[in-house]
Amino acid sequence: MAHEVLQFVALTSGGRAFDIEFPLHPQTQSAPAVSDLVTHLLAVISGHAKDRTDLSDGDILQALAMTSAIRGRMLEGDQADIADLNRLLHEQAWLAVRAAKSYAAARA
């Protein structure tokens, strides 16, 4: 059985767009909820980073990695299994964004 895919369009502040097809984990309960959370998290990051000169892209990536690790640690269960799942999900997401087509976003 094929895995469900979440289609997502990411827009950059520089006017680029990326059509991304994220493979969803077989135990995903709600693709729309995942999409909404990703959209919300990206908006929060953009709002927080706007006009800041003391925050680099590397700082943002580091904060996201820390957040993912903290959230995983908060879960009940075998910590090695949770860490493995976190790495798997990250790798699959990274492969999806690397494969995404990039194009100039139209502006009205």
PDB file of N, CA and C in Angstrom:
ATOM      1  N   MET A   1       0.839  -1.177   0.000  1.00  0.00           N
ATOM      2  CA  MET A   1       0.000   0.000   0.000  1.00  0.00           C
ATOM      3  C   MET A   1       0.883   1.238   0.000  1.00  0.00           C
ATOM      4  N   ALA A   2       0.581   2.197  -0.865  1.00  0.00           N
ATOM      5  CA  ALA A   2       1.375   3.412  -0.970  1.00  0.00           C
ATOM      6  C   ALA A   2       1.104   4.318   0.228  1.00  0.00           C
ATOM      7  N   HIS A   3       2.127   5.018   0.665  1.00  0.00           N
ATOM      8  CA  HIS A   3       1.982   5.962   1.762  1.00  0.00           C
ATOM      9  C   HIS A   3       1.282   7.221   1.270  1.00  0.00           C
ATOM     10  N   GLU A   4       0.536   7.828   2.166  1.00  0.00           N
ATOM     11  CA  GLU A   4      -0.117   9.091   1.863  1.00  0.00           C
ATOM     12  C   GLU A   4       0.949  10.184   1.737  1.00  0.00           C
ATOM     13  N   VAL A   5       0.670  11.148   0.867  1.00  0.00           N
ATOM     14  CA  VAL A   5       1.599  12.247   0.624  1.00  0.00           C
ATOM     15  C   VAL A   5       0.909  13.561   0.973  1.00  0.00           C
ATOM     16  N   LEU A   6       1.639  14.441   1.629  1.00  0.00           N
ATOM     17  CA  LEU A   6       1.155  15.781   1.916  1.00  0.00           C
ATOM     18  C   LEU A   6       1.776  16.725   0.896  1.00  0.00           C
ATOM     19  N   GLN A   7       0.944  17.323   0.066  1.00  0.00           N
ATOM     20  CA  GLN A   7       1.434  18.298  -0.903  1.00  0.00           C
ATOM     21  C   GLN A   7       1.447  19.661  -0.224  1.00  0.00           C
ATOM     22  N   PHE A   8       2.591  20.341  -0.335  1.00  0.00           N
ATOM     23  CA  PHE A   8       2.791  21.595   0.390  1.00  0.00           C
ATOM     24  C   PHE A   8       3.521  22.563  -0.520  1.00  0.00           C
ATOM     25  N   VAL A   9       3.095  23.806  -0.547  1.00  0.00           N
ATOM     26  CA  VAL A   9       3.789  24.849  -1.294  1.00  0.00           C
ATOM     27  C   VAL A   9       4.421  25.788  -0.275  1.00  0.00           C
ATOM     28  N   ALA A  10       5.723  25.932  -0.352  1.00  0.00           N
ATOM     29  CA  ALA A  10       6.454  26.839   0.532  1.00  0.00           C
ATOM     30  C   ALA A  10       6.864  28.065  -0.264  1.00  0.00           C
ATOM     31  N   LEU A  11       6.582  29.236   0.294  1.00  0.00           N
ATOM     32  CA  LEU A  11       6.940  30.500  -0.345  1.00  0.00           C
ATOM     33  C   LEU A  11       8.015  31.187   0.483  1.00  0.00           C
ATOM     34  N   THR A  12       9.051  31.667  -0.198  1.00  0.00           N
ATOM     35  CA  THR A  12      10.122  32.364   0.509  1.00  0.00           C
ATOM     36  C   THR A  12       9.897  33.867   0.439  1.00  0.00           C
ATOM     37  N   SER A  13      10.535  34.592   1.343  1.00  0.00           N
ATOM     38  CA  SER A  13      10.432  36.052   1.323  1.00  0.00           C
ATOM     39  C   SER A  13      11.128  36.631   0.092  1.00  0.00           C
ATOM     40  N   GLY A  14      11.996  35.842  -0.527  1.00  0.00           N
ATOM     41  CA  GLY A  14      12.706  36.289  -1.726  1.00  0.00           C
ATOM     42  C   GLY A  14      11.950  36.030  -3.019  1.00  0.00           C
ATOM     43  N   GLY A  15      10.728  35.510  -2.924  1.00  0.00           N
ATOM     44  CA  GLY A  15       9.912  35.327  -4.116  1.00  0.00           C
ATOM     45  C   GLY A  15      10.040  33.974  -4.794  1.00  0.00           C
ATOM     46  N   ARG A  16      10.594  32.987  -4.106  1.00  0.00           N
ATOM     47  CA  ARG A  16      10.672  31.631  -4.654  1.00  0.00           C
ATOM     48  C   ARG A  16       9.563  30.786  -4.037  1.00  0.00           C
ATOM     49  N   ALA A  17       9.138  29.800  -4.793  1.00  0.00           N
ATOM     50  CA  ALA A  17       8.153  28.848  -4.301  1.00  0.00           C
ATOM     51  C   ALA A  17       8.690  27.441  -4.512  1.00  0.00           C
ATOM     52  N   PHE A  18       8.290  26.538  -3.646  1.00  0.00           N
ATOM     53  CA  PHE A  18       8.698  25.145  -3.730  1.00  0.00           C
ATOM     54  C   PHE A  18       7.459  24.274  -3.608  1.00  0.00           C
ATOM     55  N   ASP A  19       7.250  23.401  -4.591  1.00  0.00           N
ATOM     56  CA  ASP A  19       6.181  22.402  -4.525  1.00  0.00           C
ATOM     57  C   ASP A  19       6.778  21.149  -3.901  1.00  0.00           C
ATOM     58  N   ILE A  20       6.334  20.825  -2.701  1.00  0.00           N
ATOM     59  CA  ILE A  20       6.926  19.730  -1.942  1.00  0.00           C
ATOM     60  C   ILE A  20       5.890  18.630  -1.741  1.00  0.00           C
ATOM     61  N   GLU A  21       6.307  17.400  -1.911  1.00  0.00           N
ATOM     62  CA  GLU A  21       5.469  16.243  -1.617  1.00  0.00           C
ATOM     63  C   GLU A  21       6.113  15.478  -0.471  1.00  0.00           C
ATOM     64  N   PHE A  22       5.564  15.681   0.715  1.00  0.00           N
ATOM     65  CA  PHE A  22       6.083  15.021   1.902  1.00  0.00           C
ATOM     66  C   PHE A  22       5.426  13.654   2.072  1.00  0.00           C
ATOM     67  N   PRO A  23       6.216  12.594   2.183  1.00  0.00           N
ATOM     68  CA  PRO A  23       5.621  11.296   2.518  1.00  0.00           C
ATOM     69  C   PRO A  23       5.208  11.328   3.988  1.00  0.00           C
ATOM     70  N   LEU A  24       3.998  10.892   4.265  1.00  0.00           N
ATOM     71  CA  LEU A  24       3.527  10.875   5.643  1.00  0.00           C
ATOM     72  C   LEU A  24       3.761   9.501   6.262  1.00  0.00           C
ATOM     73  N   HIS A  25       4.074   9.503   7.530  1.00  0.00           N
ATOM     74  CA  HIS A  25       4.255   8.262   8.267  1.00  0.00           C
ATOM     75  C   HIS A  25       2.944   7.484   8.233  1.00  0.00           C
ATOM     76  N   PRO A  26       3.000   6.169   8.143  1.00  0.00           N
ATOM     77  CA  PRO A  26       1.764   5.371   8.074  1.00  0.00           C
ATOM     78  C   PRO A  26       0.816   5.601   9.249  1.00  0.00           C
ATOM     79  N   GLN A  27       1.325   6.027  10.382  1.00  0.00           N
ATOM     80  CA  GLN A  27       0.469   6.236  11.545  1.00  0.00           C
ATOM     81  C   GLN A  27      -0.014   7.684  11.686  1.00  0.00           C
ATOM     82  N   THR A  28       0.187   8.501  10.648  1.00  0.00           N
ATOM     83  CA  THR A  28      -0.310   9.874  10.676  1.00  0.00           C
ATOM     84  C   THR A  28      -1.830   9.855  10.847  1.00  0.00           C
ATOM     85  N   GLN A  29      -2.325  10.602  11.805  1.00  0.00           N
ATOM     86  CA  GLN A  29      -3.765  10.620  12.067  1.00  0.00           C
ATOM     87  C   GLN A  29      -4.500  11.641  11.213  1.00  0.00           C
ATOM     88  N   SER A  30      -3.858  12.785  10.904  1.00  0.00           N
ATOM     89  CA  SER A  30      -4.553  13.838  10.171  1.00  0.00           C
ATOM     90  C   SER A  30      -3.568  14.640   9.322  1.00  0.00           C
ATOM     91  N   ALA A  31      -3.581  14.394   8.015  1.00  0.00           N
ATOM     92  CA  ALA A  31      -2.724  15.175   7.113  1.00  0.00           C
ATOM     93  C   ALA A  31      -3.065  16.667   7.167  1.00  0.00           C
ATOM     94  N   PRO A  32      -4.355  17.054   7.193  1.00  0.00           N
ATOM     95  CA  PRO A  32      -4.668  18.483   7.297  1.00  0.00           C
ATOM     96  C   PRO A  32      -4.119  19.122   8.586  1.00  0.00           C
ATOM     97  N   ALA A  33      -4.159  18.388   9.688  1.00  0.00           N
ATOM     98  CA  ALA A  33      -3.624  18.927  10.936  1.00  0.00           C
ATOM     99  C   ALA A  33      -2.107  19.096  10.852  1.00  0.00           C
ATOM    100  N   VAL A  34      -1.429  18.155  10.210  1.00  0.00           N
ATOM    101  CA  VAL A  34       0.020  18.271  10.014  1.00  0.00           C
ATOM    102  C   VAL A  34       0.316  19.499   9.152  1.00  0.00           C
ATOM    103  N   SER A  35      -0.405  19.655   8.059  1.00  0.00           N
ATOM    104  CA  SER A  35      -0.213  20.804   7.172  1.00  0.00           C
ATOM    105  C   SER A  35      -0.454  22.126   7.902  1.00  0.00           C
ATOM    106  N   ASP A  36      -1.534  22.184   8.684  1.00  0.00           N
ATOM    107  CA  ASP A  36      -1.839  23.397   9.446  1.00  0.00           C
ATOM    108  C   ASP A  36      -0.727  23.722  10.434  1.00  0.00           C
ATOM    109  N   LEU A  37      -0.202  22.710  11.110  1.00  0.00           N
ATOM    110  CA  LEU A  37       0.857  22.943  12.095  1.00  0.00           C
ATOM    111  C   LEU A  37       2.135  23.426  11.415  1.00  0.00           C
ATOM    112  N   VAL A  38       2.497  22.814  10.291  1.00  0.00           N
ATOM    113  CA  VAL A  38       3.687  23.260   9.550  1.00  0.00           C
ATOM    114  C   VAL A  38       3.513  24.717   9.118  1.00  0.00           C
ATOM    115  N   THR A  39       2.352  25.051   8.578  1.00  0.00           N
ATOM    116  CA  THR A  39       2.079  26.426   8.144  1.00  0.00           C
ATOM    117  C   THR A  39       2.190  27.389   9.320  1.00  0.00           C
ATOM    118  N   HIS A  40       1.603  27.021  10.445  1.00  0.00           N
ATOM    119  CA  HIS A  40       1.639  27.878  11.629  1.00  0.00           C
ATOM    120  C   HIS A  40       3.069  28.052  12.151  1.00  0.00           C
ATOM    121  N   LEU A  41       3.817  26.949  12.230  1.00  0.00           N
ATOM    122  CA  LEU A  41       5.196  27.036  12.715  1.00  0.00           C
ATOM    123  C   LEU A  41       6.054  27.926  11.820  1.00  0.00           C
ATOM    124  N   LEU A  42       5.891  27.779  10.503  1.00  0.00           N
ATOM    125  CA  LEU A  42       6.652  28.629   9.581  1.00  0.00           C
ATOM    126  C   LEU A  42       6.286  30.103   9.738  1.00  0.00           C
ATOM    127  N   ALA A  43       5.005  30.387   9.954  1.00  0.00           N
ATOM    128  CA  ALA A  43       4.564  31.773  10.157  1.00  0.00           C
ATOM    129  C   ALA A  43       5.144  32.346  11.451  1.00  0.00           C
ATOM    130  N   VAL A  44       5.167  31.536  12.509  1.00  0.00           N
ATOM    131  CA  VAL A  44       5.732  31.991  13.779  1.00  0.00           C
ATOM    132  C   VAL A  44       7.228  32.279  13.614  1.00  0.00           C
ATOM    133  N   ILE A  45       7.929  31.390  12.931  1.00  0.00           N
ATOM    134  CA  ILE A  45       9.368  31.602  12.712  1.00  0.00           C
ATOM    135  C   ILE A  45       9.597  32.878  11.910  1.00  0.00           C
ATOM    136  N   SER A  46       8.837  33.058  10.833  1.00  0.00           N
ATOM    137  CA  SER A  46       8.997  34.261  10.012  1.00  0.00           C
ATOM    138  C   SER A  46       8.707  35.522  10.813  1.00  0.00           C
ATOM    139  N   GLY A  47       7.656  35.490  11.601  1.00  0.00           N
ATOM    140  CA  GLY A  47       7.320  36.652  12.422  1.00  0.00           C
ATOM    141  C   GLY A  47       8.387  36.946  13.465  1.00  0.00           C
ATOM    142  N   HIS A  48       8.923  35.907  14.069  1.00  0.00           N
ATOM    143  CA  HIS A  48       9.960  36.081  15.094  1.00  0.00           C
ATOM    144  C   HIS A  48      11.268  36.591  14.488  1.00  0.00           C
ATOM    145  N   ALA A  49      11.595  36.115  13.298  1.00  0.00           N
ATOM    146  CA  ALA A  49      12.875  36.459  12.679  1.00  0.00           C
ATOM    147  C   ALA A  49      12.840  37.800  11.936  1.00  0.00           C
ATOM    148  N   LYS A  50      11.646  38.271  11.628  1.00  0.00           N
ATOM    149  CA  LYS A  50      11.520  39.508  10.844  1.00  0.00           C
ATOM    150  C   LYS A  50      12.226  40.665  11.547  1.00  0.00           C
ATOM    151  N   ASP A  51      13.047  41.358  10.776  1.00  0.00           N
ATOM    152  CA  ASP A  51      13.754  42.559  11.243  1.00  0.00           C
ATOM    153  C   ASP A  51      14.766  42.300  12.357  1.00  0.00           C
ATOM    154  N   ARG A  52      15.100  41.039  12.604  1.00  0.00           N
ATOM    155  CA  ARG A  52      16.123  40.753  13.615  1.00  0.00           C
ATOM    156  C   ARG A  52      17.472  40.617  12.933  1.00  0.00           C
ATOM    157  N   THR A  53      18.471  41.205  13.518  1.00  0.00           N
ATOM    158  CA  THR A  53      19.825  41.091  12.979  1.00  0.00           C
ATOM    159  C   THR A  53      20.678  40.141  13.823  1.00  0.00           C
ATOM    160  N   ASP A  54      20.125  39.680  14.942  1.00  0.00           N
ATOM    161  CA  ASP A  54      20.882  38.817  15.847  1.00  0.00           C
ATOM    162  C   ASP A  54      20.491  37.349  15.725  1.00  0.00           C
ATOM    163  N   LEU A  55      19.810  36.990  14.638  1.00  0.00           N
ATOM    164  CA  LEU A  55      19.326  35.628  14.459  1.00  0.00           C
ATOM    165  C   LEU A  55      19.673  35.154  13.056  1.00  0.00           C
ATOM    166  N   SER A  56      20.457  34.086  12.970  1.00  0.00           N
ATOM    167  CA  SER A  56      20.852  33.565  11.664  1.00  0.00           C
ATOM    168  C   SER A  56      19.972  32.378  11.281  1.00  0.00           C
ATOM    169  N   ASP A  57      20.041  31.994  10.020  1.00  0.00           N
ATOM    170  CA  ASP A  57      19.320  30.800   9.571  1.00  0.00           C
ATOM    171  C   ASP A  57      19.797  29.568  10.329  1.00  0.00           C
ATOM    172  N   GLY A  58      21.090  29.505  10.612  1.00  0.00           N
ATOM    173  CA  GLY A  58      21.630  28.399  11.401  1.00  0.00           C
ATOM    174  C   GLY A  58      21.055  28.371  12.807  1.00  0.00           C
ATOM    175  N   ASP A  59      20.854  29.559  13.400  1.00  0.00           N
ATOM    176  CA  ASP A  59      20.233  29.630  14.726  1.00  0.00           C
ATOM    177  C   ASP A  59      18.817  29.058  14.687  1.00  0.00           C
ATOM    178  N   ILE A  60      18.080  29.368  13.623  1.00  0.00           N
ATOM    179  CA  ILE A  60      16.713  28.872  13.481  1.00  0.00           C
ATOM    180  C   ILE A  60      16.717  27.356  13.349  1.00  0.00           C
ATOM    181  N   LEU A  61      17.598  26.828  12.508  1.00  0.00           N
ATOM    182  CA  LEU A  61      17.679  25.370  12.349  1.00  0.00           C
ATOM    183  C   LEU A  61      18.052  24.692  13.661  1.00  0.00           C
ATOM    184  N   GLN A  62      18.977  25.303  14.400  1.00  0.00           N
ATOM    185  CA  GLN A  62      19.382  24.745  15.687  1.00  0.00           C
ATOM    186  C   GLN A  62      18.198  24.728  16.655  1.00  0.00           C
ATOM    187  N   ALA A  63      17.436  25.803  16.701  1.00  0.00           N
ATOM    188  CA  ALA A  63      16.277  25.878  17.588  1.00  0.00           C
ATOM    189  C   ALA A  63      15.233  24.830  17.210  1.00  0.00           C
ATOM    190  N   LEU A  64      15.037  24.619  15.921  1.00  0.00           N
ATOM    191  CA  LEU A  64      14.080  23.599  15.481  1.00  0.00           C
ATOM    192  C   LEU A  64      14.537  22.196  15.863  1.00  0.00           C
ATOM    193  N   ALA A  65      15.830  21.932  15.719  1.00  0.00           N
ATOM    194  CA  ALA A  65      16.365  20.624  16.110  1.00  0.00           C
ATOM    195  C   ALA A  65      16.193  20.410  17.608  1.00  0.00           C
ATOM    196  N   MET A  66      16.472  21.443  18.382  1.00  0.00           N
ATOM    197  CA  MET A  66      16.302  21.340  19.830  1.00  0.00           C
ATOM    198  C   MET A  66      14.836  21.109  20.192  1.00  0.00           C
ATOM    199  N   THR A  67      13.945  21.830  19.520  1.00  0.00           N
ATOM    200  CA  THR A  67      12.514  21.690  19.782  1.00  0.00           C
ATOM    201  C   THR A  67      12.030  20.284  19.457  1.00  0.00           C
ATOM    202  N   SER A  68      12.475  19.747  18.338  1.00  0.00           N
ATOM    203  CA  SER A  68      12.091  18.390  17.957  1.00  0.00           C
ATOM    204  C   SER A  68      12.595  17.371  18.979  1.00  0.00           C
ATOM    205  N   ALA A  69      13.817  17.558  19.439  1.00  0.00           N
ATOM    206  CA  ALA A  69      14.378  16.646  20.439  1.00  0.00           C
ATOM    207  C   ALA A  69      13.617  16.751  21.759  1.00  0.00           C
ATOM    208  N   ILE A  70      13.308  17.973  22.173  1.00  0.00           N
ATOM    209  CA  ILE A  70      12.559  18.161  23.422  1.00  0.00           C
ATOM    210  C   ILE A  70      11.183  17.517  23.312  1.00  0.00           C
ATOM    211  N   ARG A  71      10.501  17.762  22.189  1.00  0.00           N
ATOM    212  CA  ARG A  71       9.161  17.195  22.017  1.00  0.00           C
ATOM    213  C   ARG A  71       9.216  15.664  22.036  1.00  0.00           C
ATOM    214  N   GLY A  72      10.242  15.102  21.403  1.00  0.00           N
ATOM    215  CA  GLY A  72      10.406  13.656  21.426  1.00  0.00           C
ATOM    216  C   GLY A  72      10.665  13.125  22.824  1.00  0.00           C
ATOM    217  N   ARG A  73      11.448  13.853  23.600  1.00  0.00           N
ATOM    218  CA  ARG A  73      11.769  13.421  24.970  1.00  0.00           C
ATOM    219  C   ARG A  73      10.544  13.468  25.865  1.00  0.00           C
ATOM    220  N   MET A  74       9.598  14.338  25.546  1.00  0.00           N
ATOM    221  CA  MET A  74       8.380  14.473  26.337  1.00  0.00           C
ATOM    222  C   MET A  74       7.430  13.283  26.145  1.00  0.00           C
ATOM    223  N   LEU A  75       7.656  12.486  25.097  1.00  0.00           N
ATOM    224  CA  LEU A  75       6.786  11.354  24.808  1.00  0.00           C
ATOM    225  C   LEU A  75       7.102  10.175  25.710  1.00  0.00           C
ATOM    226  N   GLU A  76       6.051   9.437  26.032  1.00  0.00           N
ATOM    227  CA  GLU A  76       6.235   8.185  26.764  1.00  0.00           C
ATOM    228  C   GLU A  76       6.648   7.118  25.749  1.00  0.00           C
ATOM    229  N   GLY A  77       7.517   6.252  26.139  1.00  0.00           N
ATOM    230  CA  GLY A  77       7.943   5.183  25.254  1.00  0.00           C
ATOM    231  C   GLY A  77       9.442   5.023  25.260  1.00  0.00           C
ATOM    232  N   ASP A  78       9.898   4.069  24.491  1.00  0.00           N
ATOM    233  CA  ASP A  78      11.325   3.778  24.388  1.00  0.00           C
ATOM    234  C   ASP A  78      12.029   4.956  23.708  1.00  0.00           C
ATOM    235  N   GLN A  79      12.933   5.585  24.435  1.00  0.00           N
ATOM    236  CA  GLN A  79      13.585   6.784  23.919  1.00  0.00           C
ATOM    237  C   GLN A  79      14.437   6.505  22.674  1.00  0.00           C
ATOM    238  N   ALA A  80      15.018   5.327  22.583  1.00  0.00           N
ATOM    239  CA  ALA A  80      15.799   4.974  21.393  1.00  0.00           C
ATOM    240  C   ALA A  80      14.882   4.887  20.165  1.00  0.00           C
ATOM    241  N   ASP A  81      13.700   4.298  20.350  1.00  0.00           N
ATOM    242  CA  ASP A  81      12.746   4.203  19.243  1.00  0.00           C
ATOM    243  C   ASP A  81      12.253   5.586  18.816  1.00  0.00           C
ATOM    244  N   ILE A  82      12.003   6.454  19.795  1.00  0.00           N
ATOM    245  CA  ILE A  82      11.543   7.808  19.485  1.00  0.00           C
ATOM    246  C   ILE A  82      12.634   8.587  18.762  1.00  0.00           C
ATOM    247  N   ALA A  83      13.874   8.436  19.202  1.00  0.00           N
ATOM    248  CA  ALA A  83      14.992   9.110  18.531  1.00  0.00           C
ATOM    249  C   ALA A  83      15.148   8.597  17.100  1.00  0.00           C
ATOM    250  N   ASP A  84      15.003   7.286  16.912  1.00  0.00           N
ATOM    251  CA  ASP A  84      15.082   6.706  15.568  1.00  0.00           C
ATOM    252  C   ASP A  84      13.965   7.245  14.679  1.00  0.00           C
ATOM    253  N   LEU A  85      12.752   7.352  15.216  1.00  0.00           N
ATOM    254  CA  LEU A  85      11.628   7.889  14.453  1.00  0.00           C
ATOM    255  C   LEU A  85      11.878   9.347  14.090  1.00  0.00           C
ATOM    256  N   ASN A  86      12.402  10.118  15.032  1.00  0.00           N
ATOM    257  CA  ASN A  86      12.707  11.524  14.772  1.00  0.00           C
ATOM    258  C   ASN A  86      13.712  11.648  13.623  1.00  0.00           C
ATOM    259  N   ARG A  87      14.751  10.828  13.661  1.00  0.00           N
ATOM    260  CA  ARG A  87      15.760  10.862  12.589  1.00  0.00           C
ATOM    261  C   ARG A  87      15.152  10.450  11.249  1.00  0.00           C
ATOM    262  N   LEU A  88      14.323   9.408  11.257  1.00  0.00           N
ATOM    263  CA  LEU A  88      13.678   8.941  10.030  1.00  0.00           C
ATOM    264  C   LEU A  88      12.775  10.020   9.441  1.00  0.00           C
ATOM    265  N   LEU A  89      11.943  10.627  10.265  1.00  0.00           N
ATOM    266  CA  LEU A  89      11.037  11.666   9.780  1.00  0.00           C
ATOM    267  C   LEU A  89      11.807  12.867   9.242  1.00  0.00           C
ATOM    268  N   HIS A  90      12.873  13.238   9.922  1.00  0.00           N
ATOM    269  CA  HIS A  90      13.697  14.360   9.465  1.00  0.00           C
ATOM    270  C   HIS A  90      14.337  14.044   8.113  1.00  0.00           C
ATOM    271  N   GLU A  91      14.891  12.854   7.990  1.00  0.00           N
ATOM    272  CA  GLU A  91      15.544  12.460   6.734  1.00  0.00           C
ATOM    273  C   GLU A  91      14.532  12.418   5.587  1.00  0.00           C
ATOM    274  N   GLN A  92      13.353  11.865   5.821  1.00  0.00           N
ATOM    275  CA  GLN A  92      12.336  11.813   4.771  1.00  0.00           C
ATOM    276  C   GLN A  92      11.884  13.216   4.373  1.00  0.00           C
ATOM    277  N   ALA A  93      11.733  14.090   5.352  1.00  0.00           N
ATOM    278  CA  ALA A  93      11.337  15.469   5.050  1.00  0.00           C
ATOM    279  C   ALA A  93      12.433  16.177   4.249  1.00  0.00           C
ATOM    280  N   TRP A  94      13.679  15.962   4.642  1.00  0.00           N
ATOM    281  CA  TRP A  94      14.797  16.588   3.935  1.00  0.00           C
ATOM    282  C   TRP A  94      14.869  16.090   2.487  1.00  0.00           C
ATOM    283  N   LEU A  95      14.682  14.801   2.272  1.00  0.00           N
ATOM    284  CA  LEU A  95      14.680  14.264   0.908  1.00  0.00           C
ATOM    285  C   LEU A  95      13.550  14.876   0.086  1.00  0.00           C
ATOM    286  N   ALA A  96      12.400  15.083   0.704  1.00  0.00           N
ATOM    287  CA  ALA A  96      11.266  15.680  -0.006  1.00  0.00           C
ATOM    288  C   ALA A  96      11.550  17.121  -0.413  1.00  0.00           C
ATOM    289  N   VAL A  97      12.133  17.912   0.472  1.00  0.00           N
ATOM    290  CA  VAL A  97      12.400  19.306   0.113  1.00  0.00           C
ATOM    291  C   VAL A  97      13.532  19.411  -0.908  1.00  0.00           C
ATOM    292  N   ARG A  98      14.471  18.494  -0.846  1.00  0.00           N
ATOM    293  CA  ARG A  98      15.550  18.511  -1.856  1.00  0.00           C
ATOM    294  C   ARG A  98      15.027  18.179  -3.228  1.00  0.00           C
ATOM    295  N   ALA A  99      14.000  17.328  -3.315  1.00  0.00           N
ATOM    296  CA  ALA A  99      13.432  16.925  -4.590  1.00  0.00           C
ATOM    297  C   ALA A  99      12.404  17.932  -5.113  1.00  0.00           C
ATOM    298  N   ALA A 100      12.030  18.893  -4.290  1.00  0.00           N
ATOM    299  CA  ALA A 100      10.972  19.842  -4.655  1.00  0.00           C
ATOM    300  C   ALA A 100      11.402  20.753  -5.804  1.00  0.00           C
ATOM    301  N   LYS A 101      10.465  21.002  -6.689  1.00  0.00           N
ATOM    302  CA  LYS A 101      10.692  21.936  -7.795  1.00  0.00           C
ATOM    303  C   LYS A 101      10.613  23.352  -7.260  1.00  0.00           C
ATOM    304  N   SER A 102      11.525  24.195  -7.709  1.00  0.00           N
ATOM    305  CA  SER A 102      11.577  25.594  -7.287  1.00  0.00           C
ATOM    306  C   SER A 102      11.244  26.477  -8.492  1.00  0.00           C
ATOM    307  N   TYR A 103      10.492  27.527  -8.237  1.00  0.00           N
ATOM    308  CA  TYR A 103      10.134  28.450  -9.309  1.00  0.00           C
ATOM    309  C   TYR A 103       9.856  29.824  -8.714  1.00  0.00           C
ATOM    310  N   ALA A 104       9.866  30.844  -9.578  1.00  0.00           N
ATOM    311  CA  ALA A 104       9.543  32.194  -9.143  1.00  0.00           C
ATOM    312  C   ALA A 104       8.059  32.275  -8.839  1.00  0.00           C
ATOM    313  N   ALA A 105       7.732  32.752  -7.646  1.00  0.00           N
ATOM    314  CA  ALA A 105       6.328  32.878  -7.261  1.00  0.00           C
ATOM    315  C   ALA A 105       5.743  34.136  -7.876  1.00  0.00           C
ATOM    316  N   ALA A 106       4.559  34.024  -8.427  1.00  0.00           N
ATOM    317  CA  ALA A 106       3.871  35.179  -9.017  1.00  0.00           C
ATOM    318  C   ALA A 106       3.398  36.081  -7.891  1.00  0.00           C
ATOM    319  N   ARG A 107       3.478  37.356  -8.128  1.00  0.00           N
ATOM    320  CA  ARG A 107       3.020  38.334  -7.127  1.00  0.00           C
ATOM    321  C   ARG A 107       1.977  39.227  -7.773  1.00  0.00           C
ATOM    322  N   ALA A 108       0.910  39.473  -7.031  1.00  0.00           N
ATOM    323  CA  ALA A 108      -0.175  40.326  -7.553  1.00  0.00           C
ATOM    324  C   ALA A 108       0.088  41.774  -7.226  1.00  0.00           C
TER     325      ALA A 108
END
